[in-house]
Every structure is written in structure tokens, then in C-alpha cells.
Amino acid sequence: MLIFQDVSSFFVIILGAVTEYISGRYGERAEMTVRIVRAILGSSIEVDAGAGGSPALLLVAAYAVRRLPYVVRAAVAGLQQANPALEEAAWSLGATPWRTLRRVSLPLLAANLAAGGILAFAFAMLEVSDSLILAQQAEHYPITNAIYALLSTLGNGTQLAAALGVWAMAFLAVALVGASVIGGKRGGWFRL
């Protein structure tokens, strides 16, 4: 079920970009706000499993909390590469902070956020500990639980588990190469 990883990657990209932009551009005074937002997201893991025992909310929150540093570090790298004078020029020409963020800052951070999002998705998809603990029923198993369950089946279960493991490692290799190409030196593919 890749929906858990998709949703958590989306939340991680948005939350990581916003919090790091606030703390990176507005300095110390915004650091407490960033810590509060991260604490609220971290405490959301303690929510109950929901109707029907579906661990969807728990898995999304766990993946998001554990993969947030990938996007935050990518956003930090993007903010360090971006020239603050471009934002100041937009402000001096009358652009609102929202328009400046949308038209100047986000395009400058796009490559770094894409690379961080790819890494967050790939590592969330191959997460073992959260999946084993939170997904207890077979219909909610992510790929890592499916691999683990296949190992104990009779017949060709070990071969199927090995094939899924090789596929997972190939996917991770492609994701790492893709993230390094996209977010490479000064934005890789997104350079102007």
C-alpha cells in the first residue's frame, strides 16, 4: 500500500519546507514555532488506530515524523544556496510575502525539496520497524511486512521474498541516484 508513503511524503515536503523556510529566513525568533509544530506532529503518533483497526493514520504519522529530517536537511541546503537578495528585491518591488514565497523562494528550493521528497518516499516505503509494529493485519501490510510474511510461507515464499527484496534494493538505488541528479550541485536539472 503505497498510499501511506505518498501521503506521508507529501506532508513531510510541505512541513519541512515551511518550517525550514521560517527558521532559516526569520532566525531565532521563529525557532520556537518550528519546535512546537514538530512536537505536535511527533505527538500525533499516539493517536488510536481508528475505525476498523486500520493503522493508516499511525503509519502516515510515523513515516512523516521519521522522514522529516531528510526534507529539512534538503531545504536547509537549498536555503543556503539561495540568495536572500532575490526575496528582498521582490519585497521592495511590492510583492507580498506569500507571492514572494510562491514566485521566488519555492522555485529556488524546488530541486532540493524534490530530492528530499524522493528520499523520504523511498525510505518510508522500505521502513521496517514502524511497519512491523503498526500493521498487524495482512490487508494493511506495506511491502516490508509482505516480505517478512512471505519468508514464513511454505513453497516458493522465500523466493518471492528474495525477489521483492531485490526489487526494493533496486528501487532504493534508483531513488538515491535520482535524488542526487535532481538535487545535485546548485539544483541539477532545475538550474536556470
C-alpha atoms as a PDB file:
ATOM      1  CA  MET A   1       0.000   0.000   0.000  1.00  0.00           C
ATOM      2  CA  LEU A   2       1.959   2.961  -1.285  1.00  0.00           C
ATOM      3  CA  ILE A   3      -0.750   5.404  -0.247  1.00  0.00           C
ATOM      4  CA  PHE A   4       0.740   5.626   3.259  1.00  0.00           C
ATOM      5  CA  GLN A   5       4.140   6.600   1.895  1.00  0.00           C
ATOM      6  CA  ASP A   6       2.646   9.004  -0.659  1.00  0.00           C
ATOM      7  CA  VAL A   7       0.629  10.877   1.944  1.00  0.00           C
ATOM      8  CA  SER A   8       3.479  10.971   4.448  1.00  0.00           C
ATOM      9  CA  SER A   9       5.929  12.195   1.790  1.00  0.00           C
ATOM     10  CA  PHE A  10       3.508  14.965   0.811  1.00  0.00           C
ATOM     11  CA  PHE A  11       3.130  16.096   4.437  1.00  0.00           C
ATOM     12  CA  VAL A  12       6.864  15.869   5.044  1.00  0.00           C
ATOM     13  CA  ILE A  13       7.678  18.017   1.998  1.00  0.00           C
ATOM     14  CA  ILE A  14       5.155  20.693   2.973  1.00  0.00           C
ATOM     15  CA  LEU A  15       6.024  20.698   6.671  1.00  0.00           C
ATOM     16  CA  GLY A  16       9.773  20.504   6.091  1.00  0.00           C
ATOM     17  CA  ALA A  17       9.770  23.321   3.552  1.00  0.00           C
ATOM     18  CA  VAL A  18       7.606  25.628   5.634  1.00  0.00           C
ATOM     19  CA  THR A  19       9.363  25.070   8.943  1.00  0.00           C
ATOM     20  CA  GLU A  20      12.832  25.326   7.498  1.00  0.00           C
ATOM     21  CA  TYR A  21      11.934  28.406   5.476  1.00  0.00           C
ATOM     22  CA  ILE A  22      10.583  30.087   8.601  1.00  0.00           C
ATOM     23  CA  SER A  23      13.553  29.147  10.766  1.00  0.00           C
ATOM     24  CA  GLY A  24      16.101  29.807   8.020  1.00  0.00           C
ATOM     25  CA  ARG A  25      14.809  33.199   6.930  1.00  0.00           C
ATOM     26  CA  TYR A  26      13.426  34.593  10.170  1.00  0.00           C
ATOM     27  CA  GLY A  27      16.095  33.282  12.522  1.00  0.00           C
ATOM     28  CA  GLU A  28      15.927  32.674  16.242  1.00  0.00           C
ATOM     29  CA  ARG A  29      12.514  34.179  16.898  1.00  0.00           C
ATOM     30  CA  ALA A  30      10.788  31.570  14.736  1.00  0.00           C
ATOM     31  CA  GLU A  31      12.738  28.595  16.089  1.00  0.00           C
ATOM     32  CA  MET A  32      10.265  28.043  18.938  1.00  0.00           C
ATOM     33  CA  THR A  33       7.363  27.941  16.471  1.00  0.00           C
ATOM     34  CA  VAL A  34       9.175  25.333  14.417  1.00  0.00           C
ATOM     35  CA  ARG A  35       9.825  23.206  17.503  1.00  0.00           C
ATOM     36  CA  ILE A  36       6.178  23.410  18.531  1.00  0.00           C
ATOM     37  CA  VAL A  37       4.995  22.284  15.068  1.00  0.00           C
ATOM     38  CA  ARG A  38       7.407  19.343  15.094  1.00  0.00           C
ATOM     39  CA  ALA A  39       6.336  18.364  18.619  1.00  0.00           C
ATOM     40  CA  ILE A  40       2.662  18.403  17.592  1.00  0.00           C
ATOM     41  CA  LEU A  41       3.405  16.203  14.586  1.00  0.00           C
ATOM     42  CA  GLY A  42       5.506  13.876  16.738  1.00  0.00           C
ATOM     43  CA  SER A  43       2.777  13.524  19.344  1.00  0.00           C
ATOM     44  CA  SER A  44       0.213  12.628  16.675  1.00  0.00           C
ATOM     45  CA  ILE A  45       1.711   9.125  16.590  1.00  0.00           C
ATOM     46  CA  GLU A  46      -0.074   8.419  19.868  1.00  0.00           C
ATOM     47  CA  VAL A  47      -3.476   8.622  18.121  1.00  0.00           C
ATOM     48  CA  ASP A  48      -5.592   5.460  18.206  1.00  0.00           C
ATOM     49  CA  ALA A  49      -5.720   3.150  15.185  1.00  0.00           C
ATOM     50  CA  GLY A  50      -9.151   4.390  14.081  1.00  0.00           C
ATOM     51  CA  ALA A  51     -12.197   2.641  12.673  1.00  0.00           C
ATOM     52  CA  GLY A  52     -11.794  -0.973  11.690  1.00  0.00           C
ATOM     53  CA  GLY A  53      -8.323  -1.198  13.203  1.00  0.00           C
ATOM     54  CA  SER A  54      -6.719   0.439  10.170  1.00  0.00           C
ATOM     55  CA  PRO A  55      -3.244   1.721  11.003  1.00  0.00           C
ATOM     56  CA  ALA A  56      -3.291   4.238   8.123  1.00  0.00           C
ATOM     57  CA  LEU A  57      -3.124   7.370  10.275  1.00  0.00           C
ATOM     58  CA  LEU A  58      -0.482   5.836  12.516  1.00  0.00           C
ATOM     59  CA  LEU A  59       1.667   4.722   9.596  1.00  0.00           C
ATOM     60  CA  VAL A  60       1.432   8.091   7.848  1.00  0.00           C
ATOM     61  CA  ALA A  61       2.327   9.955  11.052  1.00  0.00           C
ATOM     62  CA  ALA A  62       5.181   7.569  11.866  1.00  0.00           C
ATOM     63  CA  TYR A  63       6.621   7.757   8.363  1.00  0.00           C
ATOM     64  CA  ALA A  64       6.292  11.541   8.326  1.00  0.00           C
ATOM     65  CA  VAL A  65       7.986  12.047  11.692  1.00  0.00           C
ATOM     66  CA  ARG A  66      10.822   9.670  10.941  1.00  0.00           C
ATOM     67  CA  ARG A  67      11.484  11.077   7.441  1.00  0.00           C
ATOM     68  CA  LEU A  68      11.091  14.787   8.197  1.00  0.00           C
ATOM     69  CA  PRO A  69      14.866  15.299   8.646  1.00  0.00           C
ATOM     70  CA  TYR A  70      15.511  14.304   5.010  1.00  0.00           C
ATOM     71  CA  VAL A  71      13.363  17.132   3.696  1.00  0.00           C
ATOM     72  CA  VAL A  72      14.518  19.606   6.336  1.00  0.00           C
ATOM     73  CA  ARG A  73      18.183  18.994   5.506  1.00  0.00           C
ATOM     74  CA  ALA A  74      17.416  19.338   1.792  1.00  0.00           C
ATOM     75  CA  ALA A  75      15.556  22.603   2.460  1.00  0.00           C
ATOM     76  CA  VAL A  76      18.489  23.884   4.538  1.00  0.00           C
ATOM     77  CA  ALA A  77      20.851  23.179   1.656  1.00  0.00           C
ATOM     78  CA  GLY A  78      18.520  24.960  -0.754  1.00  0.00           C
ATOM     79  CA  LEU A  79      18.168  27.995   1.501  1.00  0.00           C
ATOM     80  CA  GLN A  80      21.923  28.229   1.924  1.00  0.00           C
ATOM     81  CA  GLN A  81      22.344  28.224  -1.855  1.00  0.00           C
ATOM     82  CA  ALA A  82      19.550  30.734  -2.494  1.00  0.00           C
ATOM     83  CA  ASN A  83      20.425  34.401  -2.395  1.00  0.00           C
ATOM     84  CA  PRO A  84      18.235  36.294   0.127  1.00  0.00           C
ATOM     85  CA  ALA A  85      18.666  39.423  -2.014  1.00  0.00           C
ATOM     86  CA  LEU A  86      16.210  37.929  -4.532  1.00  0.00           C
ATOM     87  CA  GLU A  87      13.483  37.800  -1.888  1.00  0.00           C
ATOM     88  CA  GLU A  88      14.361  41.272  -0.669  1.00  0.00           C
ATOM     89  CA  ALA A  89      14.143  42.562  -4.251  1.00  0.00           C
ATOM     90  CA  ALA A  90      10.668  41.056  -4.617  1.00  0.00           C
ATOM     91  CA  TRP A  91       9.574  42.671  -1.335  1.00  0.00           C
ATOM     92  CA  SER A  92      10.979  46.041  -2.368  1.00  0.00           C
ATOM     93  CA  LEU A  93       9.027  45.827  -5.630  1.00  0.00           C
ATOM     94  CA  GLY A  94       5.795  45.390  -3.672  1.00  0.00           C
ATOM     95  CA  ALA A  95       5.306  41.638  -3.662  1.00  0.00           C
ATOM     96  CA  THR A  96       3.503  40.209  -0.659  1.00  0.00           C
ATOM     97  CA  PRO A  97       5.308  37.603   1.460  1.00  0.00           C
ATOM     98  CA  TRP A  98       3.017  34.881   0.068  1.00  0.00           C
ATOM     99  CA  ARG A  99       3.717  35.915  -3.536  1.00  0.00           C
ATOM    100  CA  THR A 100       7.456  36.116  -2.799  1.00  0.00           C
ATOM    101  CA  LEU A 101       7.388  32.618  -1.360  1.00  0.00           C
ATOM    102  CA  ARG A 102       5.395  31.268  -4.298  1.00  0.00           C
ATOM    103  CA  ARG A 103       7.203  33.067  -7.140  1.00  0.00           C
ATOM    104  CA  VAL A 104      10.781  33.386  -5.834  1.00  0.00           C
ATOM    105  CA  SER A 105      11.607  31.102  -2.901  1.00  0.00           C
ATOM    106  CA  LEU A 106       9.826  27.875  -3.862  1.00  0.00           C
ATOM    107  CA  PRO A 107      11.255  27.791  -7.411  1.00  0.00           C
ATOM    108  CA  LEU A 108      14.720  28.206  -5.887  1.00  0.00           C
ATOM    109  CA  LEU A 109      14.043  25.373  -3.422  1.00  0.00           C
ATOM    110  CA  ALA A 110      12.216  23.080  -5.874  1.00  0.00           C
ATOM    111  CA  ALA A 111      15.173  20.844  -6.709  1.00  0.00           C
ATOM    112  CA  ASN A 112      16.169  20.397  -3.090  1.00  0.00           C
ATOM    113  CA  LEU A 113      12.591  19.693  -1.992  1.00  0.00           C
ATOM    114  CA  ALA A 114      12.161  17.189  -4.823  1.00  0.00           C
ATOM    115  CA  ALA A 115      15.351  15.388  -3.820  1.00  0.00           C
ATOM    116  CA  GLY A 116      14.339  15.360  -0.148  1.00  0.00           C
ATOM    117  CA  GLY A 117      10.870  14.138  -1.068  1.00  0.00           C
ATOM    118  CA  ILE A 118      12.273  11.297  -3.175  1.00  0.00           C
ATOM    119  CA  LEU A 119      14.490  10.200  -0.306  1.00  0.00           C
ATOM    120  CA  ALA A 120      11.638  10.491   2.208  1.00  0.00           C
ATOM    121  CA  PHE A 121       9.356   8.404  -0.016  1.00  0.00           C
ATOM    122  CA  ALA A 122      11.961   5.741  -0.754  1.00  0.00           C
ATOM    123  CA  PHE A 123      12.993   5.277   2.855  1.00  0.00           C
ATOM    124  CA  ALA A 124       9.386   5.370   4.078  1.00  0.00           C
ATOM    125  CA  MET A 125       8.469   2.699   1.553  1.00  0.00           C
ATOM    126  CA  LEU A 126      11.233   0.442   2.834  1.00  0.00           C
ATOM    127  CA  GLU A 127      10.684   1.219   6.537  1.00  0.00           C
ATOM    128  CA  VAL A 128      10.754  -1.948   8.605  1.00  0.00           C
ATOM    129  CA  SER A 129      10.270  -1.125  12.276  1.00  0.00           C
ATOM    130  CA  ASP A 130       7.164   1.069  12.001  1.00  0.00           C
ATOM    131  CA  SER A 131       5.556  -1.325   9.549  1.00  0.00           C
ATOM    132  CA  LEU A 132       6.168  -4.403  11.671  1.00  0.00           C
ATOM    133  CA  ILE A 133       4.840  -2.794  14.830  1.00  0.00           C
ATOM    134  CA  LEU A 134       1.856  -0.842  13.481  1.00  0.00           C
ATOM    135  CA  ALA A 135       0.483  -3.015  10.642  1.00  0.00           C
ATOM    136  CA  GLN A 136      -0.766  -6.199  12.263  1.00  0.00           C
ATOM    137  CA  GLN A 137      -3.304  -7.394   9.672  1.00  0.00           C
ATOM    138  CA  ALA A 138      -2.329  -8.731   6.243  1.00  0.00           C
ATOM    139  CA  GLU A 139      -4.606  -6.326   4.330  1.00  0.00           C
ATOM    140  CA  HIS A 140      -2.680  -3.357   5.786  1.00  0.00           C
ATOM    141  CA  TYR A 141       0.830  -4.690   5.173  1.00  0.00           C
ATOM    142  CA  PRO A 142       3.336  -2.397   3.479  1.00  0.00           C
ATOM    143  CA  ILE A 143       5.976  -4.051   1.300  1.00  0.00           C
ATOM    144  CA  THR A 144       8.374  -4.765   4.166  1.00  0.00           C
ATOM    145  CA  ASN A 145       5.707  -6.650   6.102  1.00  0.00           C
ATOM    146  CA  ALA A 146       4.793  -8.559   2.952  1.00  0.00           C
ATOM    147  CA  ILE A 147       8.422  -9.606   2.529  1.00  0.00           C
ATOM    148  CA  TYR A 148       8.568 -10.714   6.162  1.00  0.00           C
ATOM    149  CA  ALA A 149       5.294 -12.653   5.850  1.00  0.00           C
ATOM    150  CA  LEU A 150       6.443 -14.344   2.642  1.00  0.00           C
ATOM    151  CA  LEU A 151       9.551 -15.667   4.388  1.00  0.00           C
ATOM    152  CA  SER A 152       7.426 -17.880   6.625  1.00  0.00           C
ATOM    153  CA  THR A 153       5.185 -19.316   3.908  1.00  0.00           C
ATOM    154  CA  LEU A 154       5.774 -22.760   2.532  1.00  0.00           C
ATOM    155  CA  GLY A 155       6.647 -23.431  -1.075  1.00  0.00           C
ATOM    156  CA  ASN A 156       8.156 -20.575  -3.015  1.00  0.00           C
ATOM    157  CA  GLY A 157       7.659 -17.940  -0.280  1.00  0.00           C
ATOM    158  CA  THR A 158      11.373 -17.446   0.288  1.00  0.00           C
ATOM    159  CA  GLN A 159      11.987 -16.969  -3.425  1.00  0.00           C
ATOM    160  CA  LEU A 160       9.192 -14.401  -3.657  1.00  0.00           C
ATOM    161  CA  ALA A 161      10.534 -12.612  -0.590  1.00  0.00           C
ATOM    162  CA  ALA A 162      14.012 -12.569  -2.116  1.00  0.00           C
ATOM    163  CA  ALA A 163      12.639 -11.208  -5.393  1.00  0.00           C
ATOM    164  CA  LEU A 164      10.766  -8.431  -3.543  1.00  0.00           C
ATOM    165  CA  GLY A 165      13.921  -7.675  -1.550  1.00  0.00           C
ATOM    166  CA  VAL A 166      15.969  -7.337  -4.739  1.00  0.00           C
ATOM    167  CA  TRP A 167      13.260  -5.130  -6.223  1.00  0.00           C
ATOM    168  CA  ALA A 168      13.304  -2.968  -3.071  1.00  0.00           C
ATOM    169  CA  MET A 169      17.076  -2.539  -3.233  1.00  0.00           C
ATOM    170  CA  ALA A 170      16.923  -1.687  -6.947  1.00  0.00           C
ATOM    171  CA  PHE A 171      14.201   0.870  -6.225  1.00  0.00           C
ATOM    172  CA  LEU A 172      16.311   2.380  -3.442  1.00  0.00           C
ATOM    173  CA  ALA A 173      19.344   2.603  -5.742  1.00  0.00           C
ATOM    174  CA  VAL A 174      17.290   4.351  -8.441  1.00  0.00           C
ATOM    175  CA  ALA A 175      15.840   6.728  -5.836  1.00  0.00           C
ATOM    176  CA  LEU A 176      19.291   7.606  -4.487  1.00  0.00           C
ATOM    177  CA  VAL A 177      20.678   8.244  -7.965  1.00  0.00           C
ATOM    178  CA  GLY A 178      17.575  10.226  -8.922  1.00  0.00           C
ATOM    179  CA  ALA A 179      17.757  12.363  -5.790  1.00  0.00           C
ATOM    180  CA  SER A 180      21.434  13.095  -6.356  1.00  0.00           C
ATOM    181  CA  VAL A 181      20.835  14.041 -10.005  1.00  0.00           C
ATOM    182  CA  ILE A 182      17.815  16.224  -9.236  1.00  0.00           C
ATOM    183  CA  GLY A 183      19.266  17.874  -6.154  1.00  0.00           C
ATOM    184  CA  GLY A 184      22.877  17.846  -7.295  1.00  0.00           C
ATOM    185  CA  LYS A 185      25.175  20.821  -7.295  1.00  0.00           C
ATOM    186  CA  ARG A 186      23.086  24.003  -7.334  1.00  0.00           C
ATOM    187  CA  GLY A 187      19.878  22.234  -8.290  1.00  0.00           C
ATOM    188  CA  GLY A 188      20.917  19.782 -11.002  1.00  0.00           C
ATOM    189  CA  TRP A 189      18.068  19.672 -13.524  1.00  0.00           C
ATOM    190  CA  PHE A 190      16.387  22.783 -12.140  1.00  0.00           C
ATOM    191  CA  ARG A 191      19.189  25.223 -12.900  1.00  0.00           C
ATOM    192  CA  LEU A 192      18.255  28.393 -14.729  1.00  0.00           C
END
